Structure formats: C-alpha cells, structure tokens
Amino acid sequence: MKKIVLTIAVSLSFMLRAMADEGMWLPMLLGKQVYKDMVAKGLKLTADQLYNINKASLKDAVILFGTGCTGEIVSAEGLIFTNHHCGYAAIASASTIEHNYLRDGFYAKSRAEEIQTTLSVQFLLRIEDVTAEVMDSLKGLSGAERLTRQSSVLASINTRLSDPSQNIETRISPIFKGNQFLAFVYQRYTDIRLVGAPPESVGKFGGDTDNWEWPRHTGDFSVFRVYAGANNKPAAFASTNVPLKPKWYLPVSIKPLKENEFAMTWGYPGSTNRYETSYGIRLAVDVNNPSLVKLRDLRLKYMFEEMKKDPAVKLQLASSYASIANYWKFYDGESKQLVKYDVFGQKKAAEDKFNAWAAQKPEYNRLFSEWSTAYSNWGKYAKHRVYINEGILGSPLIAFAASLQQVENAMVRSGSSAGSLKSALEAASAQRANFMKGENRVSDEQILAGVTRLFYQDIPKEQHPIGFFSNLKNKYGPLDDESTYKKMAAEIFSKTIIFDESKWTAFVANPDANLLQNDPAFAFASAFLTNYNSKYLPYFQDFTNKNAEYGRLYLKGIMEMDTVKAKMMYPDATLTMRVSYGVVKPYKPADAVSYDYVTTSKGLLEKYKAGDYEFDLPARQVELLKKKDFGQYADPIRKDLVIGFISTNDITGGNSGSPVINGNGELIGLAFDGNYEALSHKLAYDKDLNRTINVDIRYVLWCIDKLGGAQNIISELKIMK
C-alpha cells in the first residue's frame, strides 16, 4: 500500500499540547510536540510503532467493537478484551434460564465451546485527508444547501474508497465543525465469538449506585475472539473459520502500578461538543438534561420493580435497563457539574471576546445575533422533542406501534405497489417478533401511563395533540388523576392487535388501513408523532441546519482570531480512533477528601453484601479473597489484589473497553467509566478533577484464572512480569 501523505491545512498548527492532559488526538497527527510530551511522560515506543499504515503498528491492535465500544487484540490468536457492558447484550443473548451466563459467568475451555454472536468488529486500515476535495464542492454554499451538497459529496467519496468484496468500508468524519474532512477506512470482521465473561455480580459490581463513581470495584471486562476465513480475510460465520492472525497484539503487564506512571488510551470516543456555545450549555442545563433524567427515572423505576421479582424478567430487560440507566445518571451529573463550575460563564466570556474581535469582520459580525435568534425560535419546543423521544417513545409498545406508520404509508399512499406493502408487512412482522422477545407488558403498561401523564403536566397545552387529552378526560376521568392514565394504558394493552397473534396474522394476510388506524396503540403513537412531525419537526430541522452552519463559522473564526488558542485545539470526538495520554494519579474532589489512585480487594470485601442486588459477589470469590489467594496477580507493594485504578486520560462514551497502555506498549487496564466530579467532560474538560476509571488488568486475569479456572485463556497471553 502506498504511503498516504496528509496535507491538513488547518490542523498542522494544532499539534501543540493542550492544557493539562486534555485532548483526544488523531493518531496520525501526533506531531513532534505532542509526541515529545508523551515521551517526557514515559512513552518508550517510537512514533512509527504507534501509527503506521505501511507496516504493523499499535493502532492495528485497537478495534471498533460492535456499534459503539472499543476492544483490543491481546493474543496472536485474535483474542479480544473489552468491557463487560460492551459485551452485555451478546452475553444476555447467549443466556437461558438453564444456562444463565449473564448471572453465572462463562469461560470456553476450548475453541469448540466459544459461542457465536451477531457482533462485528472493525480494524482501521488508514486515514485520508479529503478536505480539499470536499471544500471544492462546497464553494459558495451555506446552510441547508451546503449540508445537502456535503452529504452527497461524502457519500460519493465513501463509495469510491470502499470495497464491499473485501468488507472494506469508508466513513468520512467532518471534524472541527465541518472545517476539515477525514476519511477513515475500515475492514469489518463478522465472525465474533464469546470466549468468556465474569458473573454479572463481578462485571456490574456496584450497579447504578457506583456508576460514574470512584472508588470503584467493578470487574468490567469480557472476552471474545475474532475469526477469519481463507487467507486471514473476513468471512461469515462458518465452522471452518479459524482465529484471526492479527497484525499487532498487546502484551499484558502484571507489574506494579505506580503513581504518575505514563498511561495512554486508544479507542473510539463517541461524541463531545467542547466548542459548544453558551446558548447550548443553557439549553442542556435548563431543558434537555433535566427532561431526559426525569423521564428515564420513571422508566427505570417500573422496569426495576419487575426485574426484582423474577430472574427471567431480569434477564429479559437487563440489556435495555443497563443502557437506559447509564446515561440517566450521566446527564444528571453533567448538569450539576456545568452549573458548579460555571461553564456557561466561561463560554460567555469567550464569546464576548470573539464578538469584540468580529465586530469589524463582515463574515462574523452578525453571527451571534443570528445564532441567538435560532436558539430562541427552537427553545420553546425543545422539551417537547425530548418528551417524544424519551417519554412517548420510551414505551417499547408505542415505539413499535410508531414504526407501523411505514405499513400505513404503503397502504394509503397513492402509487404504492403491492410489492412495497408486502415488504413493509414482512419487515413489520420481523420487527414485531424481536419486540415481543424483549417486551415486559407489566412494566411497559406502567411506563405508558406515567409518561403520558408527564407529557400532559410538563408540555405547554398549546403543543398538545389536538383533542387527545380532552378525549382522554371524557373517556377515563380527570387529567390530574393518576388512575385516568392507568385506565388508558390498560385498555391500549388489552385491545391492540400487536399482542394478539391471531389478529396480527389475520391483519398481515388481509391488510386493512382502517383496522390499523383504529388500533389503540397505533392511534396513540400516531396522535403524538403526527402532531410533532407536522408542527415542530420543521423548527428542529431549521435549527439543526443553522446551528451546524453557525458552529462551523464560529470555529473558523476562532482559528483566525487566536492562533495561540488554535495551537491547543483538537477535534471533538466523532467515534473515530483517538489517542489520549496522561498519568496514573489520585485526586481530591472536595475539601478534606482525598482519593487514592487504586482500589483493592480489601475495599471490594468491605462493599460486599451477600444477596444484595448491586453488591453481591460469588461465594467462591469471597472465599478466595479472604484467603488472599491472589496468585501471581498480587501487587507486591500493596500486598493485595488491585481491582481498579484511575488516570488523567481524556475519554468519553465509546472509549468503553479502550486499552490503557503503559510506556512500553503493554496493557495495564481497560477504561470503563469517568468520575462523577467531571461529568461535564462532553462539553468541558476539567484539568484538576477529570479521571478515567479503569479495571486493572491484574484483576481481569485473576478473575479469568483463579475465579474462572480458564488457564487456557491465560496461556494465550504474552504476560510481562
């Protein structure tokens, strides 16, 4: 493969180190200053060993795992380590009541025991700068016209740089708010098998109580393997496939971990918005975040009540519950930290400085007045959007019913063919089958009643679907009475054809638009979505287009205004490979409070509560830890088994499962969380309090070896002592 020469006009000046350990750096742009700083902190690898497209390098060991996590290759046989919560759905899917791998854990003692999954992983092959080509096509365009043209251009380049016959996919990522465009070229492997996972009580130890908190004692890991076909190429699942021979894999260190030791994370951070405006901060704090937290709190409450009653329900709802709960707590913490550290004030001060500079510059001098108007026009409807997505569509039944609008369209739209209706019905039936597997009617009925009541209470009356709540009152009772909504939900659940197999089958055989439109679940979904889509969605689309355009201009202006600041800038996360680096370090979150940089089995046993939903542990683990049977994984300094550690690395969602790597390129842990005191990190990095929470690799190995008895997995690894 020929060497790609990157010619990134606006970014060559951004290679200097950001303040503190802030920065999610593009691996091919680790310029001399950044690389020198990494070496000064303890990196021993050469720049070519980190990233090279012509020969194997560390980046080849880091994979995009599933749709939004990171994993790493840790053996010459394609073994993958990632987080337990990243493999959670696959583990749950492989589980049954008789073989509950989610509850009890699982380790394949041979290749034949490894379990097929529907997961895929992607290896990054190279990154190409396509800025000039894209910008050439966008000359003279702005707003919605520019975005439409941009989408077309990116799709064309993606197609050109992809090769479906080799499972090679290209996705262009606009960075710096659309001032630069990079093409990321991946190769996807689809035969991924489950190799091992600890019991859920280990992998989720601490549950929601400890989520986003330090000190932490969670064994958040799982083990998979990537298989390949002939010539090490991607192939669909087949018994004849063999473990992938990777270009690079990470050795694993069980050496003692020291304070201020160099640590870097590689992975796929999903999204940040560090260049957000004060308007965006205010909207998040005042409207979006509290609305999301309130609605998710209600959904989690009813799900949890049913999960506690029945192990089968717990298994059924486990993956969905975990997903909802994770960012319920995140957005609550984000709002509190944004307010506590006056991020709004910081943004406003920066904008005032920009506006003073921009006053005499025609391209920018009206930017913020127009931006203010855009936020004002949309702000009055923003809560409505959250209440649709997180409330009305937070009911799984209503979310599925809403999807049936495609079937309705195929029946009533003029010009629709019999073939399109047949396809829509087949897709709906497949989707219904999947919905029914995950549906818990008891909790969902409670959710539907609850979110409908909140919509009535919290959304301005003039934004309500016309006639909906007056009809509700006439049929079921007073609108301030909780029982009114429970009666409504009970009738919807009892009368919809969606739960009735014979009625659904009859409808598919003889589709009737009137029958569908009068179905109570579909009618409910249609009332809210038609109201939103016809009246308020256009405002959101207009706002989205303007916000994107103004954001691009603002960042472009900042680059022109302040060349010193520009040198400390890095692009927001976009689910593309990034490197962050820092050190292992304790912190002081409050007056008279100091946190160590590691947790140990001593603290794990102190938290342990037999039979508790969040803090239980396997009896064998308790026995081994009390006997101090740590094997080769004991920390010689602490005289204990280290469970987790913290570092100053800059990460966000998507970095789950990211390898934490020492200066020698050895794996020392898996990143899995951030700390509560710095949950503003998507919008603002805190140089003093930001910490990444990692499961120590020695605890991972101990769980596999001593607790799980899977020495076959340990023997695959290159362990550095």
Foldseek 3Di string as FASTA:
>chain_A
DDFADADDPLCLLQQAAFPFQDDWFDLVSNDPRNVVVLVVLPADDDSVQDDDLVAHHLLLQWKQKFPFAIWGQFFQQFKIKFFCLSCVVFLLVVADPVRNCQAAKDADLDPVPWAWGQIKIKRWNDKYWPFVVLVVQQPPHAFPVSVVSSVVSQVVVQVVLADVVQQKGWHWDQWLLNNTIMITIIHMAGGKTFGIDHHNCQSQFCPLVCAQAPPDFHPTMGMMFTWDDPPLTHDHDDPRTGTHRTSDGFFAELAFADFSFKKKWKFFFAWFCQVDALLVLCLLLPAQLVLLLVLLVLLLVLLVVVVVVDVVSCSLCVSVSSVSSNVSLLSVLLNVLCVVVVVSVVRVVVVVVLQVVCCPPVLPNCLVVVLVVLSVLQSLCVNLVSLVVRAQCVQLLLVLLLLCVQLLCLVPPPPRDPVSNLVSLVVSVVVLVVSVSNDDLRSSLSSQLVSVLCCVVPRDPVLAQPPPVVVLCVPQHDSVDSRSSSVLSVVLVVQACSPPVVSSVVCSVPPDSVNSCPRSSNVVSCSSCVSCVVPPVVSVSSSVSSVSRSSSSVSVSVVVPDSVVSNNDHIIRNSDITMTMFTFHWAALDPPRTDDFWDFVVVLVVQADDPDPNNHDPPVVVVCQVVQVLPPSAHPVVSTHTFKGKTQTQHHGSQRRIFIAGSHSHGFWRFHHWHSSQSNSSHHGDSRRTITMTTTVSVVVCCVPVVVVNVVVVVSGNYDD
